[in-house]
Amino acid sequence: MSAPLLEVRGLSKHFSVRRRAGWTRKVHPLRAVDDVSFTLDAGETLGLVGESGCGKSTLGRTVLGLLAPTAGEVLFEGEHLTEGDPRLRRTAQIVFQDPYTSLPPKMRVGRIIAEPLLIHDLVPRADVTERVASLLRDVGLKREHASALPHQLSGGQRQRVGIARALAVEPKLIVADEAVSALDVSVQAQILNLLKDLQEQRGIALLFISHDLGVVRYMSHRIAVMYLGRIVELGPAVDLVEQPLHPYTRGLLAAVPRIDARRSAVRIESEPPNPVDPPEGCRFHPRCPIAQSRCSHDPPQLLDWLPGREAACHFALDGPDAPAPVAGDRLHPPGAAS
């Protein structure tokens, strides 16, 4: 079996936060990303979903080397990468959340897209104009848009320019960091379909980051659910949405409107804890409807509960809405409840 395109092993990113203690301020670690591991194959979309502030964007930027990791390692095509590794500048790109601030306001669209072509010397200077026009066509824009300034474009058009800029260096991986959350719903659908079409045509892998589980389900082959810096569930998109293992995933699904009457029985009522001072044991246990005494002191590991299904929960097959595996499917993870 060939190595995955991207492999993340035990990746952590901590920030220092000053908090007042009496007359002084003490430095505390904020574990934005805490011991995260996953793989991503060529041409695959891995959706990363969770509440705002759970560490999704920090994880994406640390994977790309935009942030230095505190611990762990990132492998791209089997090779270790380091902070600022020049190999990532061409093989991996990012599409940012806000198309209103991610483009240089005084630079014309043609120059924005041409710049990576010139920096990496990908085409002769005489051919840059035609290459820019081709990239604009690929994302559904016209040649005339090359002369426009970003403020002259709509939000959807700006995000298409951001995608064209990312495609210019022919990357193998694109991190889409909340790439449609700032757009109107109708425009969101256009950008999502554009990303899917480009992925099919070019075989690009996508790390698709969003707080919207419905959008992630539409885009992804697999989904990773993140809570307070850790992945708490990972599995095929259809299976995870139809039969979630982790109570947090079930709570997220309960908030997604459905046409049918079937809704998850689990609800997440309270606000997430302060990430500077996360709970002992399972980080979700103060909000969990099926938590037991063990959960308050014994941190669950991300383990296989069903074939291809991982969850960080001692009672992943218990409680309301838990899947009922056929005989022989349950794997009984070491140290987990059976």
Protein backbone atom coordinates (compact mmCIF):
# COMPACT_ATOMS: atom_id res chain seq x y z
CA MET A 1 0.00 0.00 0.00
CA SER A 2 1.37 3.42 -0.97
CA ALA A 3 2.04 6.05 1.68
CA PRO A 4 -0.65 8.69 2.22
CA LEU A 5 -0.10 12.11 0.67
CA LEU A 6 -0.20 13.74 4.12
CA GLU A 7 0.45 12.13 7.47
CA VAL A 8 0.15 14.04 10.74
CA ARG A 9 1.59 12.40 13.86
CA GLY A 10 0.96 13.65 17.37
CA LEU A 11 0.80 17.28 16.25
CA SER A 12 0.42 19.93 18.96
CA LYS A 13 0.38 23.71 18.91
CA HIS A 14 0.34 25.57 22.21
CA PHE A 15 0.20 29.30 22.81
CA SER A 16 1.22 31.20 25.93
CA VAL A 17 -1.60 33.12 27.61
CA ARG A 18 -1.13 35.51 30.54
CA ARG A 19 -3.76 35.32 33.28
CA ARG A 20 -4.03 37.47 36.36
CA ALA A 21 -3.30 35.73 39.68
CA GLY A 22 -3.61 38.24 42.51
CA TRP A 23 -1.19 41.10 41.82
CA THR A 24 0.74 39.20 39.17
CA ARG A 25 0.10 37.65 35.79
CA LYS A 26 1.08 34.05 35.22
CA VAL A 27 1.72 32.42 31.86
CA HIS A 28 -0.50 29.46 31.05
CA PRO A 29 -0.44 27.20 27.98
CA LEU A 30 -3.43 27.28 25.65
CA ARG A 31 -3.46 23.89 23.94
CA ALA A 32 -5.08 24.93 20.67
CA VAL A 33 -4.05 21.66 19.02
CA ASP A 34 -3.20 18.77 21.33
CA ASP A 35 -1.74 15.48 20.08
CA VAL A 36 -3.61 15.21 16.78
CA SER A 37 -2.94 12.45 14.24
CA PHE A 38 -4.56 11.69 10.88
CA THR A 39 -3.77 10.83 7.26
CA LEU A 40 -5.00 12.24 3.96
CA ASP A 41 -4.71 10.43 0.62
CA ALA A 42 -4.22 12.00 -2.80
CA GLY A 43 -7.54 13.13 -4.25
CA GLU A 44 -9.35 12.69 -0.93
CA THR A 45 -11.29 15.27 1.07
CA LEU A 46 -11.01 15.12 4.84
CA GLY A 47 -13.56 17.36 6.52
CA LEU A 48 -12.54 18.91 9.84
CA VAL A 49 -15.53 20.09 11.86
CA GLY A 50 -16.18 21.48 15.33
CA GLU A 51 -17.37 24.54 17.24
CA SER A 52 -15.63 27.88 16.84
CA GLY A 53 -12.42 27.98 18.87
CA CYS A 54 -11.82 24.22 18.88
CA GLY A 55 -8.50 24.56 17.02
CA LYS A 56 -9.49 23.72 13.43
CA SER A 57 -7.82 26.69 11.73
CA THR A 58 -4.75 26.42 13.96
CA LEU A 59 -4.40 22.78 12.94
CA GLY A 60 -4.66 23.63 9.23
CA ARG A 61 -2.06 26.38 9.47
CA THR A 62 0.31 24.25 11.54
CA VAL A 63 0.08 21.45 8.98
CA LEU A 64 1.07 23.96 6.28
CA GLY A 65 3.99 25.31 8.31
CA LEU A 66 2.42 28.75 8.71
CA LEU A 67 2.65 28.13 12.46
CA ALA A 68 5.53 26.32 14.16
CA PRO A 69 4.35 23.13 15.92
CA THR A 70 4.97 22.69 19.63
CA ALA A 71 5.33 18.93 19.17
CA GLY A 72 4.68 16.21 16.62
CA GLU A 73 5.55 15.83 12.96
CA VAL A 74 4.10 16.27 9.49
CA LEU A 75 5.01 13.96 6.61
CA PHE A 76 4.25 14.85 2.99
CA GLU A 77 4.55 11.95 0.54
CA GLY A 78 6.47 10.08 3.22
CA GLU A 79 9.04 12.83 3.85
CA HIS A 80 9.32 14.83 7.07
CA LEU A 81 8.59 18.53 6.79
CA THR A 82 9.89 21.31 8.98
CA GLU A 83 8.64 24.81 9.75
CA GLY A 84 8.73 26.95 6.61
CA ASP A 85 9.80 24.00 4.46
CA PRO A 86 10.06 25.36 0.88
CA ARG A 87 8.58 22.13 -0.53
CA LEU A 88 5.23 23.13 0.93
CA ARG A 89 5.14 26.44 -0.92
CA ARG A 90 4.27 24.65 -4.15
CA THR A 91 2.76 21.34 -3.09
CA ALA A 92 0.30 22.76 -0.53
CA GLN A 93 -1.81 25.91 -0.60
CA ILE A 94 -4.55 27.52 1.47
CA VAL A 95 -7.82 29.26 0.65
CA PHE A 96 -8.68 31.61 3.49
CA GLN A 97 -12.05 32.30 5.09
CA ASP A 98 -12.53 35.95 4.26
CA PRO A 99 -12.26 36.89 0.58
CA TYR A 100 -12.53 40.56 1.58
CA THR A 101 -9.21 40.59 3.47
CA SER A 102 -7.22 37.74 1.94
CA LEU A 103 -6.50 39.58 -1.33
CA PRO A 104 -4.16 42.60 -1.59
CA PRO A 105 -6.59 45.54 -2.01
CA LYS A 106 -4.35 47.61 -4.32
CA MET A 107 -3.21 44.76 -6.56
CA ARG A 108 -5.16 43.87 -9.69
CA VAL A 109 -6.53 40.36 -10.04
CA GLY A 110 -4.19 39.45 -12.89
CA ARG A 111 -1.17 40.38 -10.80
CA ILE A 112 -2.48 38.50 -7.75
CA ILE A 113 -2.70 35.29 -9.76
CA ALA A 114 0.48 35.92 -11.74
CA GLU A 115 2.68 36.48 -8.71
CA PRO A 116 3.06 32.81 -7.67
CA LEU A 117 3.73 31.92 -11.32
CA LEU A 118 6.56 34.44 -11.42
CA ILE A 119 7.98 33.64 -7.98
CA HIS A 120 8.25 29.94 -8.79
CA ASP A 121 9.22 30.54 -12.43
CA LEU A 122 6.50 28.18 -13.61
CA VAL A 123 5.89 29.69 -17.06
CA PRO A 124 7.89 32.04 -19.32
CA ARG A 125 7.02 35.69 -18.70
CA ALA A 126 5.62 35.96 -22.22
CA ASP A 127 3.05 33.28 -21.37
CA VAL A 128 1.94 34.60 -17.97
CA THR A 129 -1.04 36.56 -19.32
CA GLU A 130 -2.47 33.52 -21.08
CA ARG A 131 -1.87 31.32 -18.05
CA VAL A 132 -3.71 33.80 -15.84
CA ALA A 133 -6.62 33.89 -18.31
CA SER A 134 -6.71 30.07 -18.25
CA LEU A 135 -6.81 29.98 -14.44
CA LEU A 136 -9.61 32.55 -14.42
CA ARG A 137 -11.61 30.36 -16.80
CA ASP A 138 -10.97 27.34 -14.58
CA VAL A 139 -12.67 29.07 -11.65
CA GLY A 140 -15.57 30.48 -13.65
CA LEU A 141 -14.30 34.02 -14.24
CA LYS A 142 -13.58 35.92 -17.45
CA ARG A 143 -10.36 37.27 -18.91
CA GLU A 144 -11.60 40.82 -18.27
CA HIS A 145 -11.56 40.18 -14.51
CA ALA A 146 -7.77 40.26 -14.62
CA SER A 147 -7.83 44.06 -14.77
CA ALA A 148 -10.20 44.46 -11.80
CA LEU A 149 -9.27 45.44 -8.26
CA PRO A 150 -10.63 43.18 -5.48
CA HIS A 151 -13.13 45.78 -4.24
CA GLN A 152 -14.75 45.78 -7.69
CA LEU A 153 -15.69 42.11 -7.34
CA SER A 154 -18.44 40.35 -5.40
CA GLY A 155 -17.61 38.09 -2.46
CA GLY A 156 -18.00 34.94 -4.55
CA GLN A 157 -15.80 36.35 -7.31
CA ARG A 158 -13.11 37.25 -4.80
CA GLN A 159 -13.12 33.73 -3.39
CA ARG A 160 -12.77 32.38 -6.94
CA VAL A 161 -9.70 34.59 -7.33
CA GLY A 162 -8.33 33.12 -4.10
CA ILE A 163 -8.88 29.62 -5.46
CA ALA A 164 -7.21 30.55 -8.78
CA ARG A 165 -4.21 31.91 -6.88
CA ALA A 166 -3.94 28.62 -4.97
CA LEU A 167 -4.24 26.59 -8.19
CA ALA A 168 -1.53 28.59 -9.95
CA VAL A 169 1.31 26.51 -8.48
CA GLU A 170 -0.48 23.20 -9.24
CA PRO A 171 -0.65 22.02 -5.62
CA LYS A 172 -1.34 18.47 -4.47
CA LEU A 173 -3.07 19.66 -1.30
CA ILE A 174 -5.35 22.61 -0.57
CA VAL A 175 -6.45 23.60 2.92
CA ALA A 176 -9.86 25.28 2.62
CA ASP A 177 -10.19 27.17 5.90
CA GLU A 178 -13.87 28.11 6.32
CA ALA A 179 -13.71 29.00 2.62
CA VAL A 180 -17.46 29.60 2.22
CA SER A 181 -18.59 30.78 5.65
CA ALA A 182 -18.38 34.49 4.72
CA LEU A 183 -20.51 34.03 1.59
CA ASP A 184 -24.25 34.06 0.92
CA VAL A 185 -25.87 30.62 0.85
CA SER A 186 -26.44 30.60 -2.92
CA VAL A 187 -22.81 31.63 -3.53
CA GLN A 188 -21.61 29.01 -1.06
CA ALA A 189 -23.14 26.28 -3.22
CA GLN A 190 -21.34 27.59 -6.31
CA ILE A 191 -17.95 27.64 -4.56
CA LEU A 192 -18.45 24.18 -3.05
CA ASN A 193 -19.34 22.71 -6.45
CA LEU A 194 -16.35 24.49 -7.99
CA LEU A 195 -14.01 22.91 -5.42
CA LYS A 196 -15.48 19.46 -6.05
CA ASP A 197 -15.12 19.86 -9.82
CA LEU A 198 -11.53 21.07 -9.55
CA GLN A 199 -10.68 18.19 -7.26
CA GLU A 200 -12.07 15.67 -9.76
CA GLN A 201 -10.21 17.27 -12.65
CA ARG A 202 -6.86 17.70 -10.89
CA GLY A 203 -6.80 14.99 -8.22
CA ILE A 204 -6.14 17.52 -5.46
CA ALA A 205 -6.47 16.50 -1.82
CA LEU A 206 -8.58 18.82 0.34
CA LEU A 207 -8.44 19.46 4.06
CA PHE A 208 -11.85 21.12 4.32
CA ILE A 209 -12.32 23.06 7.56
CA SER A 210 -15.79 24.22 8.61
CA HIS A 211 -18.09 24.57 11.61
CA ASP A 212 -21.03 23.51 9.41
CA LEU A 213 -21.48 19.73 9.56
CA GLY A 214 -23.96 19.76 6.68
CA VAL A 215 -21.44 21.42 4.37
CA VAL A 216 -18.66 19.10 5.55
CA ARG A 217 -20.86 16.06 4.87
CA TYR A 218 -21.47 17.25 1.30
CA MET A 219 -17.79 17.84 0.59
CA SER A 220 -15.97 15.05 2.40
CA HIS A 221 -14.99 11.44 1.94
CA ARG A 222 -14.05 11.23 5.64
CA ILE A 223 -14.81 13.52 8.57
CA ALA A 224 -12.75 14.33 11.66
CA VAL A 225 -14.66 15.91 14.56
CA MET A 226 -12.57 18.21 16.77
CA TYR A 227 -13.27 19.32 20.34
CA LEU A 228 -11.00 21.52 22.49
CA GLY A 229 -7.89 20.81 20.44
CA ARG A 230 -8.36 17.07 19.97
CA ILE A 231 -9.99 14.82 17.39
CA VAL A 232 -12.80 12.94 19.13
CA GLU A 233 -14.20 11.02 16.15
CA LEU A 234 -12.92 10.05 12.71
CA GLY A 235 -14.56 7.97 10.02
CA PRO A 236 -16.24 7.79 6.60
CA ALA A 237 -18.55 10.77 6.09
CA VAL A 238 -21.74 8.77 5.46
CA ASP A 239 -21.22 6.44 8.42
CA LEU A 240 -20.26 9.25 10.79
CA VAL A 241 -23.32 11.33 9.93
CA GLU A 242 -25.79 8.44 9.90
CA GLN A 243 -24.45 6.60 12.98
CA PRO A 244 -22.16 8.86 15.05
CA LEU A 245 -20.12 7.22 17.80
CA HIS A 246 -19.18 10.18 19.98
CA PRO A 247 -21.82 12.06 22.02
CA TYR A 248 -20.34 15.36 20.85
CA THR A 249 -20.85 14.37 17.21
CA ARG A 250 -24.43 13.40 18.02
CA GLY A 251 -24.95 16.80 19.60
CA LEU A 252 -23.58 18.58 16.53
CA LEU A 253 -25.93 16.58 14.33
CA ALA A 254 -28.87 17.51 16.54
CA ALA A 255 -28.29 21.14 15.56
CA VAL A 256 -28.42 20.39 11.81
CA PRO A 257 -31.92 20.93 10.31
CA ARG A 258 -33.33 17.78 8.73
CA ILE A 259 -36.20 17.31 6.30
CA ASP A 260 -37.20 14.01 7.90
CA ALA A 261 -38.43 13.73 11.48
CA ARG A 262 -35.46 11.72 12.73
CA ARG A 263 -33.28 13.88 14.96
CA SER A 264 -30.56 12.99 17.42
CA ALA A 265 -31.73 12.62 21.01
CA VAL A 266 -28.48 14.18 22.29
CA ARG A 267 -28.36 17.93 22.85
CA ILE A 268 -25.37 20.09 23.77
CA GLU A 269 -26.79 22.64 26.18
CA SER A 270 -23.86 24.52 27.76
CA GLU A 271 -20.92 26.51 26.45
CA PRO A 272 -17.53 24.80 25.93
CA PRO A 273 -15.01 25.09 28.80
CA ASN A 274 -12.13 27.56 28.79
CA PRO A 275 -9.39 26.00 26.59
CA VAL A 276 -6.73 27.46 28.91
CA ASP A 277 -8.09 25.29 31.71
CA PRO A 278 -9.70 22.22 30.10
CA PRO A 279 -11.46 19.62 32.27
CA GLU A 280 -9.60 16.60 33.60
CA GLY A 281 -10.34 13.24 32.03
CA CYS A 282 -12.56 13.48 28.97
CA ARG A 283 -12.73 17.14 27.93
CA PHE A 284 -16.34 16.75 26.89
CA HIS A 285 -17.62 15.11 30.09
CA PRO A 286 -19.05 18.30 31.73
CA ARG A 287 -21.42 18.65 28.76
CA CYS A 288 -21.93 14.95 27.99
CA PRO A 289 -25.37 13.38 28.60
CA ILE A 290 -23.92 9.85 28.99
CA ALA A 291 -20.86 10.73 31.11
CA GLN A 292 -20.01 8.41 34.01
CA SER A 293 -17.57 8.72 36.90
CA ARG A 294 -14.73 7.28 34.84
CA CYS A 295 -15.00 10.13 32.35
CA SER A 296 -14.01 12.77 34.91
CA HIS A 297 -10.52 11.35 35.49
CA ASP A 298 -9.63 8.90 32.68
CA PRO A 299 -8.88 10.62 29.31
CA PRO A 300 -10.20 8.42 26.47
CA GLN A 301 -7.91 7.63 23.55
CA LEU A 302 -8.90 7.77 19.89
CA LEU A 303 -9.42 4.07 19.22
CA ASP A 304 -11.11 1.81 16.66
CA TRP A 305 -14.61 0.87 17.82
CA LEU A 306 -15.96 -0.37 14.50
CA PRO A 307 -14.13 -1.14 11.24
CA GLY A 308 -12.84 2.18 9.90
CA ARG A 309 -14.46 4.09 12.79
CA GLU A 310 -12.47 5.79 15.55
CA ALA A 311 -13.77 7.60 18.61
CA ALA A 312 -12.31 9.01 21.83
CA CYS A 313 -15.09 7.90 24.17
CA HIS A 314 -15.26 5.18 26.82
CA PHE A 315 -18.89 4.49 25.95
CA ALA A 316 -19.01 5.03 22.20
CA LEU A 317 -21.52 2.24 21.63
CA ASP A 318 -23.74 3.19 24.56
CA GLY A 319 -26.42 5.80 25.05
CA PRO A 320 -29.11 7.24 22.73
CA ASP A 321 -28.47 7.13 18.98
CA ALA A 322 -25.47 4.80 19.37
CA PRO A 323 -25.02 2.49 16.37
CA ALA A 324 -25.97 -1.14 16.79
CA PRO A 325 -23.19 -3.14 15.07
CA VAL A 326 -23.88 -6.54 13.59
CA ALA A 327 -22.29 -9.55 15.28
CA GLY A 328 -18.52 -9.54 14.93
CA ASP A 329 -18.22 -5.86 14.04
CA ARG A 330 -17.46 -4.49 17.50
CA LEU A 331 -13.71 -4.32 18.05
CA HIS A 332 -13.61 -3.76 21.86
CA PRO A 333 -10.71 -1.29 22.02
CA PRO A 334 -8.13 -2.04 24.73
CA GLY A 335 -9.12 -0.33 27.96
CA ALA A 336 -12.52 0.72 26.62
CA ALA A 337 -15.88 -0.28 27.96
CA SER A 338 -17.27 -3.47 26.45
